[in-house]
Amino acid sequence: MAKKMSAKARAAARKQRDKWKNKRWFTIRAPRHPWNFKRIGETLGETDEHIMDRVYEMTQQEFSGDFTKMHVLLRFRVTEVVGQDALTTFVGHAHQSDHTRRQIRRYRGKIDDVVDVVTTDGFLVRLKPLMITERRCQTSVKQAMRAKSAEIIRSFAAKSTYSKMQEAMLGGDLETEIRNAVKAIYPCKNVVIRKSQLLQTGVITEKGPTLDEIHAEESRQEAELKAKKAAALAAADEEEPEEAGLLAAAEAMESISEKEEVVEEPSEEVAEESTESEAEDEEVTEEEVAEEAVEEKSSETESSLMKLKKDELVERAKAAGVASSGTKADIVARLLE
């Protein structure tokens, strides 16, 4: 038997509220600099504290529209909530493991490294470069390439802000600089920054448009889009009755023309001309039949003559008064002339 609930338990069950009704949507936005609070997604939460420190992942293809970067994962952490907007900080990126494994083949060299750098605005970042050589190489060569890439990364970070480093990592400028530096040591198949990680934040710059300016721009764009849609719908509604009227008029004209069509009887001259043409066709037909019969007869005669022996053909040629010299084909041709 089912256990009966006490009055206290029933009262508690009635007072229990639905948590989903209290949740609301928050718009996730990229950092102010250099992404200008770009809208990158949405998330559900009851209060601002519930979505703080959430990490949102997306591919670089979804972020920038570059199809060649579909294997790169970007990570954003929510650090501040302003109204319905969840502001984030870029905390690193990573290449998908299956894409990295496809780069490595037999008889190639793999060079990994871990480099910690500090940018000019105080951000501590860990970078992990990956170099794939075209052929196997010695350990000394790998050490030289590893040292050269670490030197390039540290020198770049020493004169760049965190936002500039983000652009260089995701845009490929830093990878190109490393490739140009290490190809003098050994030929490389591929050079990438396969992973980055933000270890410590620094001074946040206030460059770029404010959140209010971004809201005003987005509302203006939405208003323009609505106006264009309304104009397009109005133009379509105006064209539809005109097209309907034209179609109705065309159908009416077709029905009238069909009713006015009258089948006329052929005149005597036309009838005579038709009989004459029919007679000519009959004459031509009879001539063609006769020619075909002659051709068939000649072909039958030629075939029958070719079946005879040469002596018989010679006798026929003498009887017909034609020359009997030459081959069987010559004698048959003279007999058929």
C-alpha atoms as a PDB file:
ATOM      1  CA  MET A   1       0.000   0.000   0.000  1.00  0.00           C
ATOM      2  CA  ALA A   2       1.092   3.552  -0.715  1.00  0.00           C
ATOM      3  CA  LYS A   3       2.301   5.455   2.300  1.00  0.00           C
ATOM      4  CA  LYS A   4       0.038   8.327   3.329  1.00  0.00           C
ATOM      5  CA  MET A   5       1.535  11.807   3.458  1.00  0.00           C
ATOM      6  CA  SER A   6       1.211  13.810   6.616  1.00  0.00           C
ATOM      7  CA  ALA A   7      -0.519  17.171   6.675  1.00  0.00           C
ATOM      8  CA  LYS A   8       2.826  18.901   7.108  1.00  0.00           C
ATOM      9  CA  ALA A   9       4.300  17.182   4.054  1.00  0.00           C
ATOM     10  CA  ARG A  10       1.250  18.054   1.942  1.00  0.00           C
ATOM     11  CA  ALA A  11       1.503  21.704   2.968  1.00  0.00           C
ATOM     12  CA  ALA A  12       5.206  21.748   2.103  1.00  0.00           C
ATOM     13  CA  ALA A  13       4.478  20.200  -1.302  1.00  0.00           C
ATOM     14  CA  ARG A  14       1.870  22.880  -2.008  1.00  0.00           C
ATOM     15  CA  LYS A  15       4.314  25.628  -1.080  1.00  0.00           C
ATOM     16  CA  GLN A  16       7.075  24.204  -3.282  1.00  0.00           C
ATOM     17  CA  ARG A  17       7.656  26.509  -6.206  1.00  0.00           C
ATOM     18  CA  ASP A  18       8.711  25.816  -9.762  1.00  0.00           C
ATOM     19  CA  LYS A  19      12.344  26.955 -10.153  1.00  0.00           C
ATOM     20  CA  TRP A  20      12.095  27.207 -13.941  1.00  0.00           C
ATOM     21  CA  LYS A  21       9.558  30.030 -13.650  1.00  0.00           C
ATOM     22  CA  ASN A  22      12.078  32.166 -11.795  1.00  0.00           C
ATOM     23  CA  LYS A  23      14.856  31.698 -14.387  1.00  0.00           C
ATOM     24  CA  ARG A  24      15.542  34.260 -17.084  1.00  0.00           C
ATOM     25  CA  TRP A  25      17.732  34.553 -20.140  1.00  0.00           C
ATOM     26  CA  PHE A  26      21.058  36.382 -20.030  1.00  0.00           C
ATOM     27  CA  THR A  27      22.915  37.530 -23.134  1.00  0.00           C
ATOM     28  CA  ILE A  28      26.568  36.458 -23.131  1.00  0.00           C
ATOM     29  CA  ARG A  29      28.895  39.070 -24.593  1.00  0.00           C
ATOM     30  CA  ALA A  30      32.555  38.925 -25.588  1.00  0.00           C
ATOM     31  CA  PRO A  31      35.076  41.257 -23.879  1.00  0.00           C
ATOM     32  CA  ARG A  32      34.939  44.973 -24.576  1.00  0.00           C
ATOM     33  CA  HIS A  33      38.385  45.096 -26.119  1.00  0.00           C
ATOM     34  CA  PRO A  34      39.026  43.972 -28.807  1.00  0.00           C
ATOM     35  CA  TRP A  35      35.599  42.384 -29.498  1.00  0.00           C
ATOM     36  CA  ASN A  36      33.325  45.374 -28.653  1.00  0.00           C
ATOM     37  CA  PHE A  37      30.849  43.381 -26.485  1.00  0.00           C
ATOM     38  CA  LYS A  38      29.965  41.066 -29.362  1.00  0.00           C
ATOM     39  CA  ARG A  39      26.897  38.922 -28.659  1.00  0.00           C
ATOM     40  CA  ILE A  40      28.069  35.291 -28.611  1.00  0.00           C
ATOM     41  CA  GLY A  41      25.284  33.348 -26.886  1.00  0.00           C
ATOM     42  CA  GLU A  42      22.635  33.096 -24.186  1.00  0.00           C
ATOM     43  CA  THR A  43      22.315  31.279 -20.853  1.00  0.00           C
ATOM     44  CA  LEU A  44      19.633  30.642 -18.210  1.00  0.00           C
ATOM     45  CA  GLY A  45      19.879  31.613 -14.568  1.00  0.00           C
ATOM     46  CA  GLU A  46      17.807  32.629 -11.596  1.00  0.00           C
ATOM     47  CA  THR A  47      20.021  35.450 -10.330  1.00  0.00           C
ATOM     48  CA  ASP A  48      23.238  37.194 -11.276  1.00  0.00           C
ATOM     49  CA  GLU A  49      25.225  35.090  -8.806  1.00  0.00           C
ATOM     50  CA  HIS A  50      24.110  31.863 -10.449  1.00  0.00           C
ATOM     51  CA  ILE A  51      25.773  32.654 -13.778  1.00  0.00           C
ATOM     52  CA  MET A  52      28.954  34.222 -12.383  1.00  0.00           C
ATOM     53  CA  ASP A  53      32.129  32.293 -13.279  1.00  0.00           C
ATOM     54  CA  ARG A  54      30.320  30.214 -15.875  1.00  0.00           C
ATOM     55  CA  VAL A  55      32.563  29.222 -18.813  1.00  0.00           C
ATOM     56  CA  TYR A  56      31.058  29.436 -22.287  1.00  0.00           C
ATOM     57  CA  GLU A  57      32.725  27.486 -25.113  1.00  0.00           C
ATOM     58  CA  MET A  58      32.284  27.998 -28.835  1.00  0.00           C
ATOM     59  CA  THR A  59      34.250  27.349 -32.012  1.00  0.00           C
ATOM     60  CA  GLN A  60      36.128  30.106 -33.741  1.00  0.00           C
ATOM     61  CA  GLN A  61      34.075  29.413 -36.848  1.00  0.00           C
ATOM     62  CA  GLU A  62      30.910  30.407 -34.945  1.00  0.00           C
ATOM     63  CA  PHE A  63      32.665  33.412 -33.482  1.00  0.00           C
ATOM     64  CA  SER A  64      34.257  34.896 -36.615  1.00  0.00           C
ATOM     65  CA  GLY A  65      32.747  32.934 -39.509  1.00  0.00           C
ATOM     66  CA  ASP A  66      36.135  31.558 -40.639  1.00  0.00           C
ATOM     67  CA  PHE A  67      35.563  27.963 -41.826  1.00  0.00           C
ATOM     68  CA  THR A  68      39.268  27.122 -41.599  1.00  0.00           C
ATOM     69  CA  LYS A  69      39.067  27.572 -37.804  1.00  0.00           C
ATOM     70  CA  MET A  70      36.267  25.126 -37.065  1.00  0.00           C
ATOM     71  CA  HIS A  71      38.644  22.994 -34.950  1.00  0.00           C
ATOM     72  CA  VAL A  72      39.566  25.857 -32.562  1.00  0.00           C
ATOM     73  CA  LEU A  73      37.578  26.101 -29.310  1.00  0.00           C
ATOM     74  CA  LEU A  74      37.317  29.490 -27.550  1.00  0.00           C
ATOM     75  CA  ARG A  75      36.592  29.799 -23.817  1.00  0.00           C
ATOM     76  CA  PHE A  76      34.931  32.810 -22.168  1.00  0.00           C
ATOM     77  CA  ARG A  77      34.282  33.153 -18.423  1.00  0.00           C
ATOM     78  CA  VAL A  78      31.463  35.347 -17.063  1.00  0.00           C
ATOM     79  CA  THR A  79      33.018  37.981 -14.778  1.00  0.00           C
ATOM     80  CA  GLU A  80      30.282  40.629 -14.523  1.00  0.00           C
ATOM     81  CA  VAL A  81      26.530  40.906 -14.974  1.00  0.00           C
ATOM     82  CA  VAL A  82      24.928  44.194 -16.054  1.00  0.00           C
ATOM     83  CA  GLY A  83      21.161  43.910 -16.326  1.00  0.00           C
ATOM     84  CA  GLN A  84      20.487  41.138 -18.841  1.00  0.00           C
ATOM     85  CA  ASP A  85      24.044  41.145 -20.169  1.00  0.00           C
ATOM     86  CA  ALA A  86      26.706  38.716 -18.938  1.00  0.00           C
ATOM     87  CA  LEU A  87      30.128  40.238 -19.629  1.00  0.00           C
ATOM     88  CA  THR A  88      32.988  37.800 -20.094  1.00  0.00           C
ATOM     89  CA  THR A  89      36.767  37.542 -20.215  1.00  0.00           C
ATOM     90  CA  PHE A  90      38.700  35.491 -22.741  1.00  0.00           C
ATOM     91  CA  VAL A  91      40.392  32.720 -20.724  1.00  0.00           C
ATOM     92  CA  GLY A  92      42.036  30.719 -23.495  1.00  0.00           C
ATOM     93  CA  HIS A  93      41.608  28.539 -26.525  1.00  0.00           C
ATOM     94  CA  ALA A  94      42.459  24.969 -27.562  1.00  0.00           C
ATOM     95  CA  HIS A  95      42.688  22.927 -30.748  1.00  0.00           C
ATOM     96  CA  GLN A  96      40.566  19.800 -30.849  1.00  0.00           C
ATOM     97  CA  SER A  97      42.584  16.676 -30.127  1.00  0.00           C
ATOM     98  CA  ASP A  98      41.471  14.816 -33.260  1.00  0.00           C
ATOM     99  CA  HIS A  99      42.721  17.671 -35.454  1.00  0.00           C
ATOM    100  CA  THR A 100      46.094  17.637 -33.664  1.00  0.00           C
ATOM    101  CA  ARG A 101      46.412  13.862 -34.074  1.00  0.00           C
ATOM    102  CA  ARG A 102      45.766  14.134 -37.808  1.00  0.00           C
ATOM    103  CA  GLN A 103      48.786  16.425 -38.159  1.00  0.00           C
ATOM    104  CA  ILE A 104      51.186  13.794 -36.812  1.00  0.00           C
ATOM    105  CA  ARG A 105      52.329  11.081 -39.233  1.00  0.00           C
ATOM    106  CA  ARG A 106      55.054   8.491 -39.386  1.00  0.00           C
ATOM    107  CA  TYR A 107      58.513   9.825 -40.215  1.00  0.00           C
ATOM    108  CA  ARG A 108      57.621  13.300 -38.960  1.00  0.00           C
ATOM    109  CA  GLY A 109      58.916  15.126 -35.909  1.00  0.00           C
ATOM    110  CA  LYS A 110      56.741  16.568 -33.152  1.00  0.00           C
ATOM    111  CA  ILE A 111      57.986  19.442 -30.986  1.00  0.00           C
ATOM    112  CA  ASP A 112      55.914  20.562 -27.978  1.00  0.00           C
ATOM    113  CA  ASP A 113      56.627  23.355 -25.533  1.00  0.00           C
ATOM    114  CA  VAL A 114      55.044  25.307 -22.666  1.00  0.00           C
ATOM    115  CA  VAL A 115      55.823  29.035 -22.377  1.00  0.00           C
ATOM    116  CA  ASP A 116      54.524  31.364 -19.624  1.00  0.00           C
ATOM    117  CA  VAL A 117      54.550  35.057 -20.542  1.00  0.00           C
ATOM    118  CA  VAL A 118      53.403  38.326 -18.990  1.00  0.00           C
ATOM    119  CA  THR A 119      51.879  41.008 -21.200  1.00  0.00           C
ATOM    120  CA  THR A 120      52.383  44.742 -20.829  1.00  0.00           C
ATOM    121  CA  ASP A 121      49.058  45.128 -18.989  1.00  0.00           C
ATOM    122  CA  GLY A 122      49.939  42.448 -16.412  1.00  0.00           C
ATOM    123  CA  PHE A 123      48.118  39.350 -17.739  1.00  0.00           C
ATOM    124  CA  LEU A 124      49.893  36.060 -17.063  1.00  0.00           C
ATOM    125  CA  VAL A 125      49.279  33.711 -20.012  1.00  0.00           C
ATOM    126  CA  ARG A 126      50.461  30.175 -20.694  1.00  0.00           C
ATOM    127  CA  LEU A 127      51.008  29.250 -24.344  1.00  0.00           C
ATOM    128  CA  LYS A 128      51.662  25.789 -25.768  1.00  0.00           C
ATOM    129  CA  PRO A 129      53.158  25.870 -29.261  1.00  0.00           C
ATOM    130  CA  LEU A 130      53.299  22.794 -31.480  1.00  0.00           C
ATOM    131  CA  MET A 131      55.684  22.314 -34.405  1.00  0.00           C
ATOM    132  CA  ILE A 132      55.480  19.446 -36.899  1.00  0.00           C
ATOM    133  CA  THR A 133      58.594  18.893 -39.020  1.00  0.00           C
ATOM    134  CA  GLU A 134      58.476  17.414 -42.492  1.00  0.00           C
ATOM    135  CA  ARG A 135      60.914  14.624 -41.553  1.00  0.00           C
ATOM    136  CA  ARG A 136      62.394  13.151 -38.420  1.00  0.00           C
ATOM    137  CA  CYS A 137      65.072  15.264 -36.812  1.00  0.00           C
ATOM    138  CA  GLN A 138      67.630  14.952 -34.045  1.00  0.00           C
ATOM    139  CA  THR A 139      67.019  15.989 -30.441  1.00  0.00           C
ATOM    140  CA  SER A 140      69.503  18.853 -30.743  1.00  0.00           C
ATOM    141  CA  VAL A 141      67.524  20.271 -33.661  1.00  0.00           C
ATOM    142  CA  LYS A 142      64.292  20.019 -31.643  1.00  0.00           C
ATOM    143  CA  GLN A 143      65.900  21.847 -28.721  1.00  0.00           C
ATOM    144  CA  ALA A 144      67.093  24.641 -31.002  1.00  0.00           C
ATOM    145  CA  MET A 145      63.625  25.041 -32.548  1.00  0.00           C
ATOM    146  CA  ARG A 146      61.965  24.942 -29.115  1.00  0.00           C
ATOM    147  CA  ALA A 147      64.304  27.659 -27.797  1.00  0.00           C
ATOM    148  CA  LYS A 148      63.752  29.829 -30.879  1.00  0.00           C
ATOM    149  CA  SER A 149      59.945  29.619 -30.633  1.00  0.00           C
ATOM    150  CA  ALA A 150      60.018  30.448 -26.887  1.00  0.00           C
ATOM    151  CA  GLU A 151      62.204  33.478 -27.617  1.00  0.00           C
ATOM    152  CA  ILE A 152      59.783  34.722 -30.293  1.00  0.00           C
ATOM    153  CA  ILE A 153      56.757  34.294 -27.979  1.00  0.00           C
ATOM    154  CA  ARG A 154      58.384  36.075 -25.019  1.00  0.00           C
ATOM    155  CA  SER A 155      59.601  38.984 -27.137  1.00  0.00           C
ATOM    156  CA  PHE A 156      56.130  39.367 -28.675  1.00  0.00           C
ATOM    157  CA  ALA A 157      54.390  39.322 -25.276  1.00  0.00           C
ATOM    158  CA  ALA A 158      56.862  41.824 -23.791  1.00  0.00           C
ATOM    159  CA  LYS A 159      55.631  44.519 -26.197  1.00  0.00           C
ATOM    160  CA  SER A 160      51.947  43.564 -26.537  1.00  0.00           C
ATOM    161  CA  THR A 161      48.783  43.859 -24.490  1.00  0.00           C
ATOM    162  CA  TYR A 162      46.530  40.898 -23.755  1.00  0.00           C
ATOM    163  CA  SER A 163      44.001  41.996 -26.383  1.00  0.00           C
ATOM    164  CA  LYS A 164      46.712  42.281 -29.028  1.00  0.00           C
ATOM    165  CA  MET A 165      47.985  38.816 -28.100  1.00  0.00           C
ATOM    166  CA  GLN A 166      44.473  37.426 -28.526  1.00  0.00           C
ATOM    167  CA  GLU A 167      44.285  38.840 -32.030  1.00  0.00           C
ATOM    168  CA  ALA A 168      47.760  37.503 -32.895  1.00  0.00           C
ATOM    169  CA  MET A 169      47.006  33.991 -31.573  1.00  0.00           C
ATOM    170  CA  LEU A 170      43.590  33.626 -33.169  1.00  0.00           C
ATOM    171  CA  GLY A 171      44.480  35.435 -36.383  1.00  0.00           C
ATOM    172  CA  GLY A 172      47.652  33.440 -37.063  1.00  0.00           C
ATOM    173  CA  ASP A 173      50.184  36.314 -36.985  1.00  0.00           C
ATOM    174  CA  LEU A 174      52.131  34.831 -34.065  1.00  0.00           C
ATOM    175  CA  GLU A 175      52.214  31.401 -35.705  1.00  0.00           C
ATOM    176  CA  THR A 176      53.511  32.923 -38.946  1.00  0.00           C
ATOM    177  CA  GLU A 177      56.282  34.740 -37.090  1.00  0.00           C
ATOM    178  CA  ILE A 178      57.370  31.515 -35.347  1.00  0.00           C
ATOM    179  CA  ARG A 179      57.308  29.582 -38.628  1.00  0.00           C
ATOM    180  CA  ASN A 180      59.501  32.133 -40.385  1.00  0.00           C
ATOM    181  CA  ALA A 181      61.986  32.015 -37.499  1.00  0.00           C
ATOM    182  CA  VAL A 182      62.333  28.211 -37.197  1.00  0.00           C
ATOM    183  CA  LYS A 183      62.270  27.263 -40.895  1.00  0.00           C
ATOM    184  CA  ALA A 184      65.925  28.355 -41.095  1.00  0.00           C
ATOM    185  CA  ILE A 185      66.759  25.625 -38.551  1.00  0.00           C
ATOM    186  CA  TYR A 186      64.674  22.802 -40.040  1.00  0.00           C
ATOM    187  CA  PRO A 187      61.762  22.599 -42.544  1.00  0.00           C
ATOM    188  CA  CYS A 188      58.385  22.610 -40.760  1.00  0.00           C
ATOM    189  CA  LYS A 189      55.118  21.127 -41.967  1.00  0.00           C
ATOM    190  CA  ASN A 190      52.960  23.107 -39.549  1.00  0.00           C
ATOM    191  CA  VAL A 191      53.362  25.530 -36.634  1.00  0.00           C
ATOM    192  CA  VAL A 192      50.405  26.336 -34.352  1.00  0.00           C
ATOM    193  CA  ILE A 193      49.629  27.619 -30.865  1.00  0.00           C
ATOM    194  CA  ARG A 194      47.587  24.581 -29.943  1.00  0.00           C
ATOM    195  CA  LYS A 195      46.502  25.873 -26.519  1.00  0.00           C
ATOM    196  CA  SER A 196      46.464  29.037 -24.418  1.00  0.00           C
ATOM    197  CA  GLN A 197      45.360  29.582 -20.833  1.00  0.00           C
ATOM    198  CA  LEU A 198      44.863  32.711 -18.748  1.00  0.00           C
ATOM    199  CA  LEU A 199      46.526  32.157 -15.364  1.00  0.00           C
ATOM    200  CA  GLN A 200      46.146  35.618 -13.838  1.00  0.00           C
ATOM    201  CA  THR A 201      44.297  38.754 -14.860  1.00  0.00           C
ATOM    202  CA  GLY A 202      45.849  42.178 -15.074  1.00  0.00           C
ATOM    203  CA  VAL A 203      44.763  45.729 -15.758  1.00  0.00           C
ATOM    204  CA  ILE A 204      41.565  45.858 -17.812  1.00  0.00           C
ATOM    205  CA  THR A 205      41.635  48.600 -20.430  1.00  0.00           C
ATOM    206  CA  GLU A 206      38.634  50.829 -21.047  1.00  0.00           C
ATOM    207  CA  LYS A 207      39.059  51.095 -24.806  1.00  0.00           C
ATOM    208  CA  GLY A 208      36.192  50.555 -27.176  1.00  0.00           C
ATOM    209  CA  PRO A 209      32.511  51.534 -27.127  1.00  0.00           C
ATOM    210  CA  THR A 210      30.495  51.377 -23.932  1.00  0.00           C
ATOM    211  CA  LEU A 211      27.661  48.938 -23.329  1.00  0.00           C
ATOM    212  CA  ASP A 212      25.044  51.698 -23.742  1.00  0.00           C
ATOM    213  CA  GLU A 213      26.499  52.603 -27.125  1.00  0.00           C
ATOM    214  CA  ILE A 214      26.372  48.960 -28.170  1.00  0.00           C
ATOM    215  CA  HIS A 215      22.701  48.734 -27.094  1.00  0.00           C
ATOM    216  CA  ALA A 216      21.844  51.885 -29.044  1.00  0.00           C
ATOM    217  CA  GLU A 217      23.585  50.545 -32.145  1.00  0.00           C
ATOM    218  CA  GLU A 218      21.829  47.184 -31.893  1.00  0.00           C
ATOM    219  CA  SER A 219      18.415  48.826 -31.438  1.00  0.00           C
ATOM    220  CA  ARG A 220      19.075  51.054 -34.466  1.00  0.00           C
ATOM    221  CA  GLN A 221      20.010  48.037 -36.582  1.00  0.00           C
ATOM    222  CA  GLU A 222      16.891  46.174 -35.466  1.00  0.00           C
ATOM    223  CA  ALA A 223      14.707  49.174 -36.331  1.00  0.00           C
ATOM    224  CA  GLU A 224      16.288  49.413 -39.780  1.00  0.00           C
ATOM    225  CA  LEU A 225      15.730  45.704 -40.352  1.00  0.00           C
ATOM    226  CA  LYS A 226      12.074  45.952 -39.317  1.00  0.00           C
ATOM    227  CA  ALA A 227      11.563  48.949 -41.620  1.00  0.00           C
ATOM    228  CA  LYS A 228      13.089  47.077 -44.557  1.00  0.00           C
ATOM    229  CA  LYS A 229      10.898  44.042 -43.901  1.00  0.00           C
ATOM    230  CA  ALA A 230       7.769  46.219 -43.659  1.00  0.00           C
ATOM    231  CA  ALA A 231       8.646  47.982 -46.934  1.00  0.00           C
ATOM    232  CA  ALA A 232       9.259  44.672 -48.664  1.00  0.00           C
ATOM    233  CA  LEU A 233       5.919  43.265 -47.439  1.00  0.00           C
ATOM    234  CA  ALA A 234       4.068  46.412 -48.528  1.00  0.00           C
ATOM    235  CA  ALA A 235       5.635  46.252 -51.996  1.00  0.00           C
ATOM    236  CA  ALA A 236       4.676  42.582 -52.277  1.00  0.00           C
ATOM    237  CA  ASP A 237       1.059  43.349 -51.270  1.00  0.00           C
ATOM    238  CA  GLU A 238       0.862  46.085 -53.928  1.00  0.00           C
ATOM    239  CA  GLU A 239       2.180  43.838 -56.659  1.00  0.00           C
ATOM    240  CA  GLU A 240      -0.144  40.935 -55.894  1.00  0.00           C
ATOM    241  CA  PRO A 241      -3.484  42.625 -56.872  1.00  0.00           C
ATOM    242  CA  GLU A 242      -1.942  44.020 -60.071  1.00  0.00           C
ATOM    243  CA  GLU A 243      -0.676  40.600 -61.048  1.00  0.00           C
ATOM    244  CA  ALA A 244      -4.047  39.049 -60.190  1.00  0.00           C
ATOM    245  CA  GLY A 245      -5.829  41.634 -62.395  1.00  0.00           C
ATOM    246  CA  LEU A 246      -3.471  40.998 -65.295  1.00  0.00           C
ATOM    247  CA  LEU A 247      -3.945  37.250 -65.003  1.00  0.00           C
ATOM    248  CA  ALA A 248      -7.747  37.607 -64.947  1.00  0.00           C
ATOM    249  CA  ALA A 249      -7.692  39.856 -68.044  1.00  0.00           C
ATOM    250  CA  ALA A 250      -5.433  37.438 -69.901  1.00  0.00           C
ATOM    251  CA  GLU A 251      -7.728  34.514 -69.086  1.00  0.00           C
ATOM    252  CA  ALA A 252     -10.780  36.497 -70.259  1.00  0.00           C
ATOM    253  CA  MET A 253      -9.112  37.393 -73.559  1.00  0.00           C
ATOM    254  CA  GLU A 254      -8.205  33.754 -74.128  1.00  0.00           C
ATOM    255  CA  SER A 255     -11.791  32.625 -73.533  1.00  0.00           C
ATOM    256  CA  ILE A 256     -13.135  35.294 -75.941  1.00  0.00           C
ATOM    257  CA  SER A 257     -10.651  34.355 -78.647  1.00  0.00           C
ATOM    258  CA  GLU A 258     -11.610  30.682 -78.283  1.00  0.00           C
ATOM    259  CA  LYS A 259     -15.304  31.523 -78.675  1.00  0.00           C
ATOM    260  CA  GLU A 260     -14.705  33.707 -81.790  1.00  0.00           C
ATOM    261  CA  GLU A 261     -12.744  31.005 -83.605  1.00  0.00           C
ATOM    262  CA  VAL A 262     -14.886  29.553 -86.416  1.00  0.00           C
ATOM    263  CA  VAL A 263     -13.944  26.578 -88.548  1.00  0.00           C
ATOM    264  CA  GLU A 264     -14.257  27.682 -92.231  1.00  0.00           C
ATOM    265  CA  GLU A 265     -15.107  25.218 -95.009  1.00  0.00           C
ATOM    266  CA  PRO A 266     -12.456  24.875 -97.715  1.00  0.00           C
ATOM    267  CA  SER A 267     -13.261  26.630-101.032  1.00  0.00           C
ATOM    268  CA  GLU A 268     -13.473  24.943-104.474  1.00  0.00           C
ATOM    269  CA  GLU A 269     -10.021  26.273-105.525  1.00  0.00           C
ATOM    270  CA  VAL A 270      -8.435  24.975-102.371  1.00  0.00           C
ATOM    271  CA  ALA A 271     -10.150  21.621-102.914  1.00  0.00           C
ATOM    272  CA  GLU A 272      -8.859  21.455-106.517  1.00  0.00           C
ATOM    273  CA  GLU A 273      -5.342  22.320-105.394  1.00  0.00           C
ATOM    274  CA  SER A 274      -5.506  19.630-102.745  1.00  0.00           C
ATOM    275  CA  THR A 275      -6.687  17.005-105.280  1.00  0.00           C
ATOM    276  CA  GLU A 276      -3.902  18.012-107.705  1.00  0.00           C
ATOM    277  CA  SER A 277      -1.265  17.754-104.969  1.00  0.00           C
ATOM    278  CA  GLU A 278      -2.673  14.372-103.959  1.00  0.00           C
ATOM    279  CA  ALA A 279      -2.444  13.173-107.595  1.00  0.00           C
ATOM    280  CA  GLU A 280       1.140  14.386-107.898  1.00  0.00           C
ATOM    281  CA  ASP A 281       1.973  12.587-104.657  1.00  0.00           C
ATOM    282  CA  GLU A 282       0.386   9.420-106.065  1.00  0.00           C
ATOM    283  CA  GLU A 283       2.416   9.731-109.305  1.00  0.00           C
ATOM    284  CA  VAL A 284       5.616  10.287-107.416  1.00  0.00           C
ATOM    285  CA  THR A 285       4.825   7.348-105.227  1.00  0.00           C
ATOM    286  CA  GLU A 286       4.226   5.077-108.265  1.00  0.00           C
ATOM    287  CA  GLU A 287       7.513   6.176-109.871  1.00  0.00           C
ATOM    288  CA  GLU A 288       9.423   5.532-106.676  1.00  0.00           C
ATOM    289  CA  VAL A 289       7.837   2.089-106.350  1.00  0.00           C
ATOM    290  CA  ALA A 290       8.822   1.227-109.922  1.00  0.00           C
ATOM    291  CA  GLU A 291      12.390   2.370-109.405  1.00  0.00           C
ATOM    292  CA  GLU A 292      12.620   0.336-106.208  1.00  0.00           C
ATOM    293  CA  ALA A 293      11.284  -2.753-108.039  1.00  0.00           C
ATOM    294  CA  VAL A 294      13.878  -2.316-110.829  1.00  0.00           C
ATOM    295  CA  GLU A 295      16.641  -1.958-108.293  1.00  0.00           C
ATOM    296  CA  GLU A 296      15.475  -5.065-106.439  1.00  0.00           C
ATOM    297  CA  LYS A 297      15.289  -6.996-109.737  1.00  0.00           C
ATOM    298  CA  SER A 298      18.764  -5.860-110.775  1.00  0.00           C
ATOM    299  CA  SER A 299      20.163  -6.796-107.418  1.00  0.00           C
ATOM    300  CA  GLU A 300      18.519 -10.209-107.619  1.00  0.00           C
ATOM    301  CA  THR A 301      19.880 -10.707-111.186  1.00  0.00           C
ATOM    302  CA  GLU A 302      23.383  -9.681-110.188  1.00  0.00           C
ATOM    303  CA  SER A 303      23.349 -12.048-107.208  1.00  0.00           C
ATOM    304  CA  SER A 304      22.043 -14.909-109.344  1.00  0.00           C
ATOM    305  CA  LEU A 305      24.680 -14.273-112.029  1.00  0.00           C
ATOM    306  CA  MET A 306      27.478 -14.187-109.489  1.00  0.00           C
ATOM    307  CA  LYS A 307      26.417 -17.643-108.315  1.00  0.00           C
ATOM    308  CA  LEU A 308      27.059 -19.102-111.816  1.00  0.00           C
ATOM    309  CA  LYS A 309      30.368 -20.534-112.861  1.00  0.00           C
ATOM    310  CA  LYS A 310      32.714 -18.541-115.106  1.00  0.00           C
ATOM    311  CA  ASP A 311      32.244 -20.883-118.042  1.00  0.00           C
ATOM    312  CA  GLU A 312      28.478 -20.374-117.962  1.00  0.00           C
ATOM    313  CA  LEU A 313      28.983 -16.596-117.728  1.00  0.00           C
ATOM    314  CA  VAL A 314      31.330 -16.700-120.749  1.00  0.00           C
ATOM    315  CA  GLU A 315      28.717 -18.607-122.785  1.00  0.00           C
ATOM    316  CA  ARG A 316      26.009 -16.067-121.794  1.00  0.00           C
ATOM    317  CA  ALA A 317      28.305 -13.192-122.714  1.00  0.00           C
ATOM    318  CA  LYS A 318      28.994 -14.708-126.155  1.00  0.00           C
ATOM    319  CA  ALA A 319      25.277 -15.279-126.639  1.00  0.00           C
ATOM    320  CA  ALA A 320      24.535 -11.682-125.664  1.00  0.00           C
ATOM    321  CA  GLY A 321      27.308 -10.374-127.919  1.00  0.00           C
ATOM    322  CA  VAL A 322      29.441  -8.781-125.210  1.00  0.00           C
ATOM    323  CA  ALA A 323      33.102  -9.290-124.372  1.00  0.00           C
ATOM    324  CA  SER A 324      33.758 -12.377-122.307  1.00  0.00           C
ATOM    325  CA  SER A 325      37.230 -11.472-121.000  1.00  0.00           C
ATOM    326  CA  GLY A 326      38.056 -10.428-117.474  1.00  0.00           C
ATOM    327  CA  THR A 327      36.792 -11.530-114.090  1.00  0.00           C
ATOM    328  CA  LYS A 328      33.313 -12.745-113.179  1.00  0.00           C
ATOM    329  CA  ALA A 329      32.389  -9.294-111.877  1.00  0.00           C
ATOM    330  CA  ASP A 330      33.387  -7.676-115.198  1.00  0.00           C
ATOM    331  CA  ILE A 331      31.339 -10.179-117.215  1.00  0.00           C
ATOM    332  CA  VAL A 332      28.296  -9.690-114.928  1.00  0.00           C
ATOM    333  CA  ALA A 333      28.595  -5.910-115.238  1.00  0.00           C
ATOM    334  CA  ARG A 334      28.650  -6.142-119.063  1.00  0.00           C
ATOM    335  CA  LEU A 335      25.626  -8.459-119.021  1.00  0.00           C
ATOM    336  CA  LEU A 336      23.646  -6.054-116.815  1.00  0.00           C
ATOM    337  CA  GLU A 337      24.381  -2.967-118.973  1.00  0.00           C
END
